[in-house]
Structures are given as C-alpha cells and as structure tokens.
Amino acid sequence: MLRITGGVWKGLVLAAPRTLRATEAKVRQALFNILGQAIEGARVLDGFAGSGALGLEALSRGAAFAAFVEADTEAVLCIRQNLDRLGQDLPRGAWRILHLELERGLRQLSAAELPFDLICFDPPYRSDDGRKALNALGEYAILAPAGIVAIEHHRRTELPASVGTLHQWKQHRYGDTVLSFYRVP
C-alpha cells in the first residue's frame, strides 16, 4: 500500500496505477530527509510522476507548488484522484498536471512556469529515460539557479557525472535503487 511518509498528510493512502512501479516508501523518506528544509516553500517538478507520490510528498512537507508530468493515462487519473482526496487542504494553484511525454512537458513548463527548486525524476527502470531527462533539462530554462535534480534509478543504470552545467554531487544506494543528485556548482 502506497502512503505519504511525512508532513501534514503523513499516512495518507495514495491511489497507484497497477502498471507502474512506485517509489518505495524508504526511498521517498530518504530523499526528503536528504533534502531537509530545502523543500519548505519550494517549487517541485515530479517527472515520470506515476501516482504523483513524490510531488504529493513534497507538498505534504511544505512545498509551495508541484507540477506532475506523466504520459500514462491511468497514472494521470491516479494523480487526479490523490489530489482530489486532499481537496480543501491544498491551496488553489498549488499544483498542475501535464498529461504529456516528459520532454513535451518540460517544454510547456519552461514557457509557462517559474523555474523549479527541485526536480524529481523516477523514470522506468532499466531504460535510458533518466539520461534523456537530464539532457532535456539542458534545453529548457526550468531549474532555478540553486535548484536540485534528484533521479531514482536502478543500480545498474549508469548516469553521467555531468550534463551541461549540471554536475552529480551526491549518490545514495538503497538495495537495487540509487538516488543521484545533480546541481549547478
């Protein structure tokens, strides 16, 4: 069962698409423990959003805004259902869903939104989508100057040490799952 691990909605059960792998609770909790207070008031992008657990977790922990980019229709319906559950608890304008492939979503967000303080990618395991997502970030002015990019990937998936101005500055492993963190030095 997928639940929010911290913040004001800790313990809330989330709807999750049957066809997609959700980020494990221990990995989500570790991610937000690493980010600490940086999440407070942040603008967050949840790419390859799935159930929206990363963006919802960020909102629960004090993020000001979350954008969810997901191409899978069932997953988008789950994100909407999860946001509907929160109803009045979420301020108007605190979120946005883009039912698009990631690169098209990044293009649209770069034209319509302020830059993001935190960008989380949870691409399909054993795919090259994490690397493609990092490359796409270089094309769009979507990351705030002091922003952080966090990518969840399988331990056998190699990501580059740097892409454009982004440099990997931290990496943590949890079983077969790795969190790689990037920022502009």
Protein backbone atom coordinates (compact mmCIF):
# COMPACT_ATOMS: atom_id res chain seq x y z
CA MET A 1 0.00 0.00 0.00
CA LEU A 2 1.40 3.39 -1.04
CA ARG A 3 1.36 6.06 1.70
CA ILE A 4 2.79 9.52 2.26
CA THR A 5 5.72 9.14 4.68
CA GLY A 6 5.93 12.58 6.27
CA GLY A 7 4.50 16.04 6.68
CA VAL A 8 0.91 17.13 7.26
CA TRP A 9 -0.59 14.21 5.29
CA LYS A 10 1.68 11.51 6.74
CA GLY A 11 -0.01 8.12 6.45
CA LEU A 12 -2.45 9.15 3.69
CA VAL A 13 -3.03 6.15 1.39
CA LEU A 14 -2.47 7.00 -2.28
CA ALA A 15 -4.03 5.51 -5.38
CA ALA A 16 -1.37 3.96 -7.62
CA PRO A 17 -1.52 2.71 -11.20
CA ARG A 18 -1.27 -1.07 -11.49
CA THR A 19 1.11 -0.93 -14.43
CA LEU A 20 3.82 1.32 -12.97
CA ARG A 21 6.42 0.79 -10.24
CA ALA A 22 6.04 3.26 -7.37
CA THR A 23 8.97 4.71 -5.47
CA GLU A 24 9.41 2.69 -2.28
CA ALA A 25 8.48 4.42 0.98
CA LYS A 26 12.02 4.08 2.39
CA VAL A 27 13.49 5.71 -0.74
CA ARG A 28 10.98 8.59 -0.67
CA GLN A 29 11.64 9.13 3.02
CA ALA A 30 15.40 9.08 2.41
CA LEU A 31 15.06 11.56 -0.46
CA PHE A 32 13.17 14.06 1.67
CA ASN A 33 15.44 13.52 4.68
CA ILE A 34 18.42 14.36 2.46
CA LEU A 35 16.67 17.49 1.14
CA GLY A 36 15.65 18.56 4.65
CA GLN A 37 14.48 22.15 4.98
CA ALA A 38 15.17 22.87 1.28
CA ILE A 39 11.68 21.59 0.49
CA GLU A 40 9.91 24.29 2.53
CA GLY A 41 8.32 26.75 0.10
CA ALA A 42 9.94 25.04 -2.91
CA ARG A 43 8.56 24.70 -6.42
CA VAL A 44 8.74 20.98 -7.28
CA LEU A 45 8.52 19.11 -10.57
CA ASP A 46 7.63 15.41 -10.39
CA GLY A 47 8.63 13.96 -13.77
CA PHE A 48 7.59 10.43 -14.76
CA ALA A 49 5.14 11.10 -11.92
CA GLY A 50 3.29 7.76 -11.78
CA SER A 51 0.99 8.10 -8.76
CA GLY A 52 2.36 11.56 -8.01
CA ALA A 53 3.82 10.30 -4.72
CA LEU A 54 7.00 12.41 -4.93
CA GLY A 55 5.15 15.66 -5.67
CA LEU A 56 2.46 14.91 -3.07
CA GLU A 57 5.14 14.07 -0.50
CA ALA A 58 6.81 17.42 -1.27
CA LEU A 59 3.50 19.29 -0.82
CA SER A 60 2.88 17.42 2.44
CA ARG A 61 6.30 18.56 3.67
CA GLY A 62 5.77 22.24 2.86
CA ALA A 63 6.48 22.74 -0.85
CA ALA A 64 4.57 25.70 -2.30
CA PHE A 65 3.84 24.20 -5.73
CA ALA A 66 4.10 20.84 -7.51
CA ALA A 67 3.86 20.08 -11.20
CA PHE A 68 3.25 16.48 -12.27
CA VAL A 69 4.33 15.32 -15.74
CA GLU A 70 3.09 11.87 -16.74
CA ALA A 71 2.27 10.28 -20.11
CA ASP A 72 0.32 7.24 -18.85
CA THR A 73 -3.45 7.85 -18.72
CA GLU A 74 -4.13 5.51 -15.78
CA ALA A 75 -1.36 7.22 -13.79
CA VAL A 76 -2.76 10.69 -14.54
CA LEU A 77 -6.15 9.54 -13.25
CA CYS A 78 -4.48 8.31 -10.04
CA ILE A 79 -2.73 11.67 -9.58
CA ARG A 80 -6.05 13.48 -10.01
CA GLN A 81 -7.73 11.10 -7.54
CA ASN A 82 -4.93 11.67 -4.99
CA LEU A 83 -5.16 15.45 -5.37
CA ASP A 84 -8.97 15.31 -5.11
CA ARG A 85 -8.61 13.49 -1.77
CA LEU A 86 -6.74 16.48 -0.40
CA GLY A 87 -9.42 18.88 -1.64
CA GLN A 88 -9.57 21.97 0.59
CA ASP A 89 -6.24 21.11 2.23
CA LEU A 90 -4.43 22.25 -0.91
CA PRO A 91 -4.39 25.96 -1.71
CA ARG A 92 -5.72 26.95 -5.12
CA GLY A 93 -2.95 26.97 -7.70
CA ALA A 94 -0.63 24.71 -5.66
CA TRP A 95 -0.40 22.07 -8.38
CA ARG A 96 -0.56 21.38 -12.09
CA ILE A 97 -0.80 18.13 -14.05
CA LEU A 98 0.56 17.74 -17.57
CA HIS A 99 -0.62 14.60 -19.35
CA LEU A 100 2.36 14.58 -21.69
CA GLU A 101 5.57 12.77 -22.50
CA LEU A 102 8.34 14.25 -20.35
CA GLU A 103 10.20 16.33 -22.92
CA ARG A 104 6.99 17.96 -24.19
CA GLY A 105 6.01 18.61 -20.57
CA LEU A 106 9.36 20.27 -19.84
CA ARG A 107 8.99 22.45 -22.94
CA GLN A 108 5.49 23.53 -21.89
CA LEU A 109 6.51 24.19 -18.27
CA SER A 110 9.55 26.23 -19.30
CA ALA A 111 7.27 28.54 -21.29
CA ALA A 112 4.52 28.86 -18.66
CA GLU A 113 6.02 28.43 -15.16
CA LEU A 114 8.71 29.91 -12.97
CA PRO A 115 11.84 27.74 -12.57
CA PHE A 116 11.73 24.80 -10.17
CA ASP A 117 13.78 24.43 -6.98
CA LEU A 118 13.55 20.65 -7.02
CA ILE A 119 13.09 18.35 -10.00
CA CYS A 120 12.46 14.66 -9.26
CA PHE A 121 12.64 12.04 -11.98
CA ASP A 122 11.60 8.43 -11.46
CA PRO A 123 11.91 7.02 -14.99
CA PRO A 124 11.14 3.41 -15.89
CA TYR A 125 13.87 1.13 -14.57
CA ARG A 126 16.48 -0.21 -16.96
CA SER A 127 15.69 2.43 -19.54
CA ASP A 128 17.74 5.32 -20.85
CA ASP A 129 15.00 7.79 -19.86
CA GLY A 130 16.98 9.19 -16.90
CA ARG A 131 19.84 10.22 -19.17
CA LYS A 132 17.39 11.61 -21.74
CA ALA A 133 15.64 13.60 -19.00
CA LEU A 134 18.95 15.12 -17.86
CA ASN A 135 19.79 16.06 -21.46
CA ALA A 136 16.34 17.64 -21.91
CA LEU A 137 16.88 19.83 -18.83
CA GLY A 138 19.76 21.46 -20.67
CA GLU A 139 17.41 22.59 -23.43
CA TYR A 140 14.90 24.35 -21.16
CA ALA A 141 15.45 27.03 -18.52
CA ILE A 142 13.40 25.15 -15.95
CA LEU A 143 15.79 24.68 -12.98
CA ALA A 144 16.23 27.54 -10.51
CA PRO A 145 19.87 28.71 -10.08
CA ALA A 146 20.28 26.89 -6.74
CA GLY A 147 17.96 24.05 -7.78
CA ILE A 148 18.47 20.33 -7.27
CA VAL A 149 17.67 17.44 -9.60
CA ALA A 150 17.08 14.02 -8.00
CA ILE A 151 16.85 10.92 -10.17
CA GLU A 152 15.82 7.49 -8.93
CA HIS A 153 17.30 4.67 -10.98
CA HIS A 154 18.38 1.04 -10.89
CA ARG A 155 21.90 0.45 -9.59
CA ARG A 156 22.95 -0.95 -12.97
CA THR A 157 21.80 2.15 -14.84
CA GLU A 158 24.78 4.43 -15.36
CA LEU A 159 24.14 8.17 -15.33
CA PRO A 160 26.77 10.70 -16.39
CA ALA A 161 28.82 12.63 -13.82
CA SER A 162 27.80 15.83 -15.58
CA VAL A 163 25.43 17.01 -18.28
CA GLY A 164 25.85 20.58 -19.49
CA THR A 165 26.09 22.73 -16.37
CA LEU A 166 24.61 20.03 -14.10
CA HIS A 167 27.05 18.01 -12.01
CA GLN A 168 26.33 14.98 -9.87
CA TRP A 169 27.18 15.89 -6.29
CA LYS A 170 25.71 13.07 -4.28
CA GLN A 171 24.54 9.50 -4.72
CA HIS A 172 22.86 7.12 -2.24
CA ARG A 173 22.05 3.45 -2.73
CA TYR A 174 19.11 1.57 -1.22
CA GLY A 175 19.28 -2.07 -2.32
CA ASP A 176 18.87 -2.04 -6.11
CA THR A 177 17.69 1.58 -6.09
CA VAL A 178 20.01 4.58 -6.37
CA LEU A 179 19.22 8.26 -5.83
CA SER A 180 21.53 10.50 -7.87
CA PHE A 181 21.54 14.23 -7.12
CA TYR A 182 22.59 16.95 -9.56
CA ARG A 183 23.02 20.71 -9.28
CA VAL A 184 24.87 23.58 -10.89
CA PRO A 185 28.04 24.13 -8.83
